PDB file of N, CA and C in Angstrom:
ATOM      1  N   MET A   1     -18.512 -11.092  22.355  1.00  0.00           N
ATOM      2  CA  MET A   1     -17.484 -11.440  23.302  1.00  0.00           C
ATOM      3  C   MET A   1     -16.894 -12.789  22.907  1.00  0.00           C
ATOM      4  N   PRO A   2     -15.590 -12.884  22.982  1.00  0.00           N
ATOM      5  CA  PRO A   2     -14.948 -14.148  22.615  1.00  0.00           C
ATOM      6  C   PRO A   2     -15.168 -15.228  23.669  1.00  0.00           C
ATOM      7  N   LEU A   3     -15.030 -16.441  23.247  1.00  0.00           N
ATOM      8  CA  LEU A   3     -15.186 -17.599  24.107  1.00  0.00           C
ATOM      9  C   LEU A   3     -13.800 -18.177  24.363  1.00  0.00           C
ATOM     10  N   TYR A   4     -13.415 -18.273  25.632  1.00  0.00           N
ATOM     11  CA  TYR A   4     -12.108 -18.795  26.008  1.00  0.00           C
ATOM     12  C   TYR A   4     -12.262 -20.146  26.684  1.00  0.00           C
ATOM     13  N   GLU A   5     -11.260 -21.019  26.497  1.00  0.00           N
ATOM     14  CA  GLU A   5     -11.247 -22.334  27.124  1.00  0.00           C
ATOM     15  C   GLU A   5     -10.132 -22.365  28.161  1.00  0.00           C
ATOM     16  N   TYR A   6     -10.443 -22.927  29.328  1.00  0.00           N
ATOM     17  CA  TYR A   6      -9.483 -23.032  30.426  1.00  0.00           C
ATOM     18  C   TYR A   6      -9.455 -24.451  30.955  1.00  0.00           C
ATOM     19  N   ILE A   7      -8.304 -24.852  31.513  1.00  0.00           N
ATOM     20  CA  ILE A   7      -8.153 -26.140  32.172  1.00  0.00           C
ATOM     21  C   ILE A   7      -7.167 -25.961  33.319  1.00  0.00           C
ATOM     22  N   THR A   8      -7.298 -26.793  34.350  1.00  0.00           N
ATOM     23  CA  THR A   8      -6.435 -26.651  35.507  1.00  0.00           C
ATOM     24  C   THR A   8      -4.993 -27.054  35.174  1.00  0.00           C
ATOM     25  N   THR A   9      -4.046 -26.469  35.866  1.00  0.00           N
ATOM     26  CA  THR A   9      -2.642 -26.821  35.661  1.00  0.00           C
ATOM     27  C   THR A   9      -2.270 -28.052  36.481  1.00  0.00           C
ATOM     28  N   ASP A  10      -2.999 -28.341  37.551  1.00  0.00           N
ATOM     29  CA  ASP A  10      -2.753 -29.502  38.399  1.00  0.00           C
ATOM     30  C   ASP A  10      -4.033 -30.334  38.463  1.00  0.00           C
ATOM     31  N   SER A  11      -4.053 -31.433  37.709  1.00  0.00           N
ATOM     32  CA  SER A  11      -5.294 -32.206  37.594  1.00  0.00           C
ATOM     33  C   SER A  11      -5.674 -32.932  38.877  1.00  0.00           C
ATOM     34  N   GLU A  12      -4.762 -33.078  39.827  1.00  0.00           N
ATOM     35  CA  GLU A  12      -5.091 -33.754  41.077  1.00  0.00           C
ATOM     36  C   GLU A  12      -5.783 -32.834  42.073  1.00  0.00           C
ATOM     37  N   LYS A  13      -5.525 -31.530  41.990  1.00  0.00           N
ATOM     38  CA  LYS A  13      -6.089 -30.601  42.957  1.00  0.00           C
ATOM     39  C   LYS A  13      -7.323 -29.860  42.455  1.00  0.00           C
ATOM     40  N   GLY A  14      -7.564 -29.873  41.175  1.00  0.00           N
ATOM     41  CA  GLY A  14      -8.666 -29.106  40.617  1.00  0.00           C
ATOM     42  C   GLY A  14     -10.025 -29.710  40.912  1.00  0.00           C
ATOM     43  N   CYS A  15     -11.062 -28.910  40.770  1.00  0.00           N
ATOM     44  CA  CYS A  15     -12.431 -29.402  40.929  1.00  0.00           C
ATOM     45  C   CYS A  15     -12.852 -30.169  39.671  1.00  0.00           C
ATOM     46  N   ARG A  16     -14.033 -30.742  39.709  1.00  0.00           N
ATOM     47  CA  ARG A  16     -14.535 -31.532  38.577  1.00  0.00           C
ATOM     48  C   ARG A  16     -14.623 -30.689  37.301  1.00  0.00           C
ATOM     49  N   ILE A  17     -15.002 -29.435  37.444  1.00  0.00           N
ATOM     50  CA  ILE A  17     -15.187 -28.554  36.284  1.00  0.00           C
ATOM     51  C   ILE A  17     -13.855 -28.214  35.631  1.00  0.00           C
ATOM     52  N   CYS A  18     -12.886 -27.749  36.419  1.00  0.00           N
ATOM     53  CA  CYS A  18     -11.633 -27.305  35.794  1.00  0.00           C
ATOM     54  C   CYS A  18     -10.736 -28.478  35.405  1.00  0.00           C
ATOM     55  N   ARG A  19     -10.933 -29.669  35.978  1.00  0.00           N
ATOM     56  CA  ARG A  19     -10.161 -30.839  35.530  1.00  0.00           C
ATOM     57  C   ARG A  19     -10.560 -31.244  34.120  1.00  0.00           C
ATOM     58  N   GLN A  20     -11.846 -31.114  33.804  1.00  0.00           N
ATOM     59  CA  GLN A  20     -12.331 -31.456  32.464  1.00  0.00           C
ATOM     60  C   GLN A  20     -12.144 -30.308  31.486  1.00  0.00           C
ATOM     61  N   GLY A  21     -11.995 -29.110  31.996  1.00  0.00           N
ATOM     62  CA  GLY A  21     -11.899 -27.926  31.147  1.00  0.00           C
ATOM     63  C   GLY A  21     -13.253 -27.249  31.047  1.00  0.00           C
ATOM     64  N   PHE A  22     -13.236 -25.938  30.918  1.00  0.00           N
ATOM     65  CA  PHE A  22     -14.491 -25.194  30.823  1.00  0.00           C
ATOM     66  C   PHE A  22     -14.315 -24.027  29.870  1.00  0.00           C
ATOM     67  N   GLU A  23     -15.431 -23.548  29.353  1.00  0.00           N
ATOM     68  CA  GLU A  23     -15.456 -22.398  28.450  1.00  0.00           C
ATOM     69  C   GLU A  23     -16.048 -21.209  29.182  1.00  0.00           C
ATOM     70  N   LEU A  24     -15.561 -20.033  28.844  1.00  0.00           N
ATOM     71  CA  LEU A  24     -16.026 -18.828  29.515  1.00  0.00           C
ATOM     72  C   LEU A  24     -16.006 -17.667  28.535  1.00  0.00           C
ATOM     73  N   ARG A  25     -17.103 -16.908  28.482  1.00  0.00           N
ATOM     74  CA  ARG A  25     -17.160 -15.687  27.667  1.00  0.00           C
ATOM     75  C   ARG A  25     -16.633 -14.535  28.487  1.00  0.00           C
ATOM     76  N   ARG A  26     -15.658 -13.818  27.918  1.00  0.00           N
ATOM     77  CA  ARG A  26     -15.073 -12.674  28.616  1.00  0.00           C
ATOM     78  C   ARG A  26     -14.811 -11.565  27.595  1.00  0.00           C
ATOM     79  N   PRO A  27     -14.983 -10.315  28.005  1.00  0.00           N
ATOM     80  CA  PRO A  27     -14.648  -9.206  27.109  1.00  0.00           C
ATOM     81  C   PRO A  27     -13.153  -9.202  26.777  1.00  0.00           C
ATOM     82  N   LEU A  28     -12.817  -8.623  25.644  1.00  0.00           N
ATOM     83  CA  LEU A  28     -11.425  -8.574  25.209  1.00  0.00           C
ATOM     84  C   LEU A  28     -10.542  -7.760  26.145  1.00  0.00           C
ATOM     85  N   ASP A  29     -11.104  -6.754  26.796  1.00  0.00           N
ATOM     86  CA  ASP A  29     -10.275  -5.878  27.626  1.00  0.00           C
ATOM     87  C   ASP A  29      -9.947  -6.476  28.991  1.00  0.00           C
ATOM     88  N   ARG A  30     -10.519  -7.627  29.354  1.00  0.00           N
ATOM     89  CA  ARG A  30     -10.215  -8.265  30.629  1.00  0.00           C
ATOM     90  C   ARG A  30      -9.028  -9.216  30.472  1.00  0.00           C
ATOM     91  N   PRO A  31      -8.174  -9.297  31.486  1.00  0.00           N
ATOM     92  CA  PRO A  31      -7.048 -10.240  31.405  1.00  0.00           C
ATOM     93  C   PRO A  31      -7.536 -11.677  31.528  1.00  0.00           C
ATOM     94  N   PRO A  32      -6.742 -12.652  31.067  1.00  0.00           N
ATOM     95  CA  PRO A  32      -7.160 -14.049  31.196  1.00  0.00           C
ATOM     96  C   PRO A  32      -7.230 -14.475  32.658  1.00  0.00           C
ATOM     97  N   LEU A  33      -8.035 -15.489  32.918  1.00  0.00           N
ATOM     98  CA  LEU A  33      -8.177 -15.998  34.282  1.00  0.00           C
ATOM     99  C   LEU A  33      -6.884 -16.659  34.741  1.00  0.00           C
ATOM    100  N   ASP A  34      -6.562 -16.531  36.022  1.00  0.00           N
ATOM    101  CA  ASP A  34      -5.432 -17.226  36.633  1.00  0.00           C
ATOM    102  C   ASP A  34      -5.921 -18.340  37.547  1.00  0.00           C
ATOM    103  N   LEU A  35      -7.140 -18.175  38.088  1.00  0.00           N
ATOM    104  CA  LEU A  35      -7.686 -19.133  39.043  1.00  0.00           C
ATOM    105  C   LEU A  35      -9.070 -19.582  38.607  1.00  0.00           C
ATOM    106  N   CYS A  36      -9.401 -20.820  38.940  1.00  0.00           N
ATOM    107  CA  CYS A  36     -10.730 -21.362  38.659  1.00  0.00           C
ATOM    108  C   CYS A  36     -11.754 -20.578  39.473  1.00  0.00           C
ATOM    109  N   PRO A  37     -12.868 -20.166  38.886  1.00  0.00           N
ATOM    110  CA  PRO A  37     -13.877 -19.414  39.632  1.00  0.00           C
ATOM    111  C   PRO A  37     -14.534 -20.219  40.760  1.00  0.00           C
ATOM    112  N   LEU A  38     -14.506 -21.549  40.696  1.00  0.00           N
ATOM    113  CA  LEU A  38     -15.147 -22.369  41.727  1.00  0.00           C
ATOM    114  C   LEU A  38     -14.188 -22.782  42.838  1.00  0.00           C
ATOM    115  N   CYS A  39     -13.054 -23.398  42.475  1.00  0.00           N
ATOM    116  CA  CYS A  39     -12.172 -23.964  43.501  1.00  0.00           C
ATOM    117  C   CYS A  39     -10.921 -23.125  43.754  1.00  0.00           C
ATOM    118  N   ARG A  40     -10.703 -22.099  42.987  1.00  0.00           N
ATOM    119  CA  ARG A  40      -9.581 -21.163  43.154  1.00  0.00           C
ATOM    120  C   ARG A  40      -8.214 -21.805  42.916  1.00  0.00           C
ATOM    121  N   ASN A  41      -8.152 -22.922  42.181  1.00  0.00           N
ATOM    122  CA  ASN A  41      -6.879 -23.527  41.793  1.00  0.00           C
ATOM    123  C   ASN A  41      -6.399 -22.879  40.506  1.00  0.00           C
ATOM    124  N   PRO A  42      -5.076 -22.888  40.239  1.00  0.00           N
ATOM    125  CA  PRO A  42      -4.555 -22.262  39.023  1.00  0.00           C
ATOM    126  C   PRO A  42      -5.083 -22.929  37.749  1.00  0.00           C
ATOM    127  N   VAL A  43      -5.420 -22.115  36.769  1.00  0.00           N
ATOM    128  CA  VAL A  43      -5.861 -22.601  35.456  1.00  0.00           C
ATOM    129  C   VAL A  43      -5.027 -21.936  34.379  1.00  0.00           C
ATOM    130  N   LYS A  44      -5.009 -22.567  33.207  1.00  0.00           N
ATOM    131  CA  LYS A  44      -4.329 -21.983  32.054  1.00  0.00           C
ATOM    132  C   LYS A  44      -5.300 -21.915  30.886  1.00  0.00           C
ATOM    133  N   LYS A  45      -5.069 -20.946  30.030  1.00  0.00           N
ATOM    134  CA  LYS A  45      -5.928 -20.769  28.856  1.00  0.00           C
ATOM    135  C   LYS A  45      -5.454 -21.708  27.755  1.00  0.00           C
ATOM    136  N   LEU A  46      -6.388 -22.404  27.128  1.00  0.00           N
ATOM    137  CA  LEU A  46      -6.074 -23.323  26.046  1.00  0.00           C
ATOM    138  C   LEU A  46      -6.147 -22.611  24.706  1.00  0.00           C
ATOM    139  N   LEU A  47      -5.426 -23.124  23.746  1.00  0.00           N
ATOM    140  CA  LEU A  47      -5.549 -22.615  22.392  1.00  0.00           C
ATOM    141  C   LEU A  47      -6.823 -23.166  21.789  1.00  0.00           C
ATOM    142  N   SER A  48      -7.594 -22.323  21.157  1.00  0.00           N
ATOM    143  CA  SER A  48      -8.863 -22.743  20.563  1.00  0.00           C
ATOM    144  C   SER A  48      -8.615 -23.574  19.328  1.00  0.00           C
ATOM    145  N   LYS A  49      -9.585 -24.384  19.009  1.00  0.00           N
ATOM    146  CA  LYS A  49      -9.485 -25.266  17.848  1.00  0.00           C
ATOM    147  C   LYS A  49      -9.609 -24.510  16.535  1.00  0.00           C
ATOM    148  N   GLY A  50     -10.102 -23.313  16.603  1.00  0.00           N
ATOM    149  CA  GLY A  50     -10.270 -22.529  15.387  1.00  0.00           C
ATOM    150  C   GLY A  50     -11.651 -21.931  15.313  1.00  0.00           C
ATOM    151  N   VAL A  51     -11.777 -20.937  14.513  1.00  0.00           N
ATOM    152  CA  VAL A  51     -13.034 -20.230  14.363  1.00  0.00           C
ATOM    153  C   VAL A  51     -13.531 -20.465  12.955  1.00  0.00           C
ATOM    154  N   THR A  52     -14.781 -20.849  12.857  1.00  0.00           N
ATOM    155  CA  THR A  52     -15.371 -21.006  11.541  1.00  0.00           C
ATOM    156  C   THR A  52     -16.340 -19.864  11.319  1.00  0.00           C
ATOM    157  N   SER A  53     -16.298 -19.313  10.159  1.00  0.00           N
ATOM    158  CA  SER A  53     -17.213 -18.240   9.812  1.00  0.00           C
ATOM    159  C   SER A  53     -17.795 -18.538   8.440  1.00  0.00           C
ATOM    160  N   PRO A  54     -19.010 -18.104   8.207  1.00  0.00           N
ATOM    161  CA  PRO A  54     -19.594 -18.354   6.891  1.00  0.00           C
ATOM    162  C   PRO A  54     -18.860 -17.560   5.828  1.00  0.00           C
ATOM    163  N   LYS A  55     -18.682 -18.192   4.699  1.00  0.00           N
ATOM    164  CA  LYS A  55     -18.003 -17.519   3.583  1.00  0.00           C
ATOM    165  C   LYS A  55     -19.008 -17.314   2.457  1.00  0.00           C
ATOM    166  N   ILE A  56     -19.079 -16.111   1.989  1.00  0.00           N
ATOM    167  CA  ILE A  56     -19.960 -15.783   0.876  1.00  0.00           C
ATOM    168  C   ILE A  56     -19.066 -15.528  -0.323  1.00  0.00           C
ATOM    169  N   ALA A  57     -19.241 -16.331  -1.361  1.00  0.00           N
ATOM    170  CA  ALA A  57     -18.385 -16.244  -2.527  1.00  0.00           C
ATOM    171  C   ALA A  57     -18.675 -14.991  -3.349  1.00  0.00           C
ATOM    172  N   LYS A  58     -19.919 -14.585  -3.371  1.00  0.00           N
ATOM    173  CA  LYS A  58     -20.297 -13.405  -4.163  1.00  0.00           C
ATOM    174  C   LYS A  58     -21.401 -12.656  -3.429  1.00  0.00           C
ATOM    175  N   PRO A  59     -21.560 -11.390  -3.700  1.00  0.00           N
ATOM    176  CA  PRO A  59     -22.675 -10.664  -3.081  1.00  0.00           C
ATOM    177  C   PRO A  59     -24.014 -11.226  -3.571  1.00  0.00           C
ATOM    178  N   LEU A  60     -24.997 -11.230  -2.689  1.00  0.00           N
ATOM    179  CA  LEU A  60     -26.308 -11.736  -3.065  1.00  0.00           C
ATOM    180  C   LEU A  60     -27.010 -10.764  -3.999  1.00  0.00           C
ATOM    181  N   SER A  61     -27.654 -11.301  -5.001  1.00  0.00           N
ATOM    182  CA  SER A  61     -28.411 -10.463  -5.926  1.00  0.00           C
ATOM    183  C   SER A  61     -29.839 -10.337  -5.430  1.00  0.00           C
ATOM    184  N   VAL A  62     -30.611  -9.495  -6.089  1.00  0.00           N
ATOM    185  CA  VAL A  62     -32.012  -9.292  -5.726  1.00  0.00           C
ATOM    186  C   VAL A  62     -32.792 -10.587  -5.913  1.00  0.00           C
ATOM    187  N   THR A  63     -32.531 -11.312  -6.984  1.00  0.00           N
ATOM    188  CA  THR A  63     -33.262 -12.561  -7.223  1.00  0.00           C
ATOM    189  C   THR A  63     -32.878 -13.626  -6.185  1.00  0.00           C
ATOM    190  N   ASP A  64     -31.596 -13.665  -5.785  1.00  0.00           N
ATOM    191  CA  ASP A  64     -31.185 -14.617  -4.742  1.00  0.00           C
ATOM    192  C   ASP A  64     -31.884 -14.301  -3.422  1.00  0.00           C
ATOM    193  N   ALA A  65     -31.985 -13.021  -3.095  1.00  0.00           N
ATOM    194  CA  ALA A  65     -32.645 -12.618  -1.849  1.00  0.00           C
ATOM    195  C   ALA A  65     -34.127 -12.968  -1.889  1.00  0.00           C
ATOM    196  N   LYS A  66     -34.785 -12.756  -3.023  1.00  0.00           N
ATOM    197  CA  LYS A  66     -36.203 -13.091  -3.141  1.00  0.00           C
ATOM    198  C   LYS A  66     -36.421 -14.596  -3.045  1.00  0.00           C
ATOM    199  N   LYS A  67     -35.514 -15.400  -3.651  1.00  0.00           N
ATOM    200  CA  LYS A  67     -35.635 -16.853  -3.569  1.00  0.00           C
ATOM    201  C   LYS A  67     -35.468 -17.341  -2.129  1.00  0.00           C
ATOM    202  N   ALA A  68     -34.662 -16.631  -1.344  1.00  0.00           N
ATOM    203  CA  ALA A  68     -34.443 -16.995   0.050  1.00  0.00           C
ATOM    204  C   ALA A  68     -35.596 -16.549   0.944  1.00  0.00           C
ATOM    205  N   GLY A  69     -36.550 -15.797   0.407  1.00  0.00           N
ATOM    206  CA  GLY A  69     -37.717 -15.394   1.163  1.00  0.00           C
ATOM    207  C   GLY A  69     -37.657 -13.993   1.744  1.00  0.00           C
ATOM    208  N   PHE A  70     -36.657 -13.211   1.374  1.00  0.00           N
ATOM    209  CA  PHE A  70     -36.545 -11.851   1.876  1.00  0.00           C
ATOM    210  C   PHE A  70     -37.367 -10.894   1.030  1.00  0.00           C
ATOM    211  N   THR A  71     -37.840  -9.816   1.646  1.00  0.00           N
ATOM    212  CA  THR A  71     -38.503  -8.738   0.926  1.00  0.00           C
ATOM    213  C   THR A  71     -37.446  -7.698   0.587  1.00  0.00           C
ATOM    214  N   VAL A  72     -37.341  -7.362  -0.673  1.00  0.00           N
ATOM    215  CA  VAL A  72     -36.327  -6.422  -1.128  1.00  0.00           C
ATOM    216  C   VAL A  72     -36.982  -5.068  -1.349  1.00  0.00           C
ATOM    217  N   LEU A  73     -36.449  -4.053  -0.703  1.00  0.00           N
ATOM    218  CA  LEU A  73     -36.942  -2.687  -0.845  1.00  0.00           C
ATOM    219  C   LEU A  73     -35.851  -1.814  -1.443  1.00  0.00           C
ATOM    220  N   GLU A  74     -36.282  -0.820  -2.241  1.00  0.00           N
ATOM    221  CA  GLU A  74     -35.336   0.132  -2.828  1.00  0.00           C
ATOM    222  C   GLU A  74     -35.780   1.539  -2.450  1.00  0.00           C
ATOM    223  N   ARG A  75     -34.840   2.364  -2.060  1.00  0.00           N
ATOM    224  CA  ARG A  75     -35.158   3.719  -1.645  1.00  0.00           C
ATOM    225  C   ARG A  75     -35.427   4.575  -2.881  1.00  0.00           C
ATOM    226  N   ARG A  76     -36.572   5.243  -2.887  1.00  0.00           N
ATOM    227  CA  ARG A  76     -36.957   6.082  -4.019  1.00  0.00           C
ATOM    228  C   ARG A  76     -36.756   7.565  -3.715  1.00  0.00           C
ATOM    229  N   ASP A  77     -37.398   8.075  -2.700  1.00  0.00           N
ATOM    230  CA  ASP A  77     -37.291   9.488  -2.328  1.00  0.00           C
ATOM    231  C   ASP A  77     -36.860   9.564  -0.871  1.00  0.00           C
ATOM    232  N   GLN A  78     -36.924  10.782  -0.348  1.00  0.00           N
ATOM    233  CA  GLN A  78     -36.579  11.010   1.059  1.00  0.00           C
ATOM    234  C   GLN A  78     -37.554  10.233   1.950  1.00  0.00           C
ATOM    235  N   GLY A  79     -37.135   9.056   2.466  1.00  0.00           N
ATOM    236  CA  GLY A  79     -37.963   8.313   3.414  1.00  0.00           C
ATOM    237  C   GLY A  79     -39.000   7.416   2.790  1.00  0.00           C
ATOM    238  N   THR A  80     -39.041   7.258   1.474  1.00  0.00           N
ATOM    239  CA  THR A  80     -40.005   6.353   0.861  1.00  0.00           C
ATOM    240  C   THR A  80     -39.267   5.196   0.193  1.00  0.00           C
ATOM    241  N   TYR A  81     -39.820   3.996   0.355  1.00  0.00           N
ATOM    242  CA  TYR A  81     -39.230   2.817  -0.234  1.00  0.00           C
ATOM    243  C   TYR A  81     -40.260   2.114  -1.095  1.00  0.00           C
ATOM    244  N   GLU A  82     -39.781   1.444  -2.124  1.00  0.00           N
ATOM    245  CA  GLU A  82     -40.652   0.712  -3.025  1.00  0.00           C
ATOM    246  C   GLU A  82     -40.235  -0.747  -3.032  1.00  0.00           C
ATOM    247  N   LYS A  83     -41.241  -1.627  -2.970  1.00  0.00           N
ATOM    248  CA  LYS A  83     -40.954  -3.071  -2.995  1.00  0.00           C
ATOM    249  C   LYS A  83     -40.591  -3.479  -4.401  1.00  0.00           C
ATOM    250  N   LEU A  84     -39.501  -4.236  -4.525  1.00  0.00           N
ATOM    251  CA  LEU A  84     -39.080  -4.701  -5.854  1.00  0.00           C
ATOM    252  C   LEU A  84     -39.683  -6.036  -6.179  1.00  0.00           C
TER     253      LEU A  84
END
């Protein structure tokens, strides 16, 4: 679920939470909030600062996975695996 940031539209009437801004996890299919959940004053959705995601330059090899401490298994027959 994405994380949305909200802040009040009127800083004099909002509660302590919405005056400073708050974050809220909401499913994508729900519309954005119009009112603060605590004080019921109007809020607006802020633009996020950006999303950072890990970038992998190349696929990990078997030796890289073993160096990282993972156990590497390879499928041999129907339902049997062998440790590499």
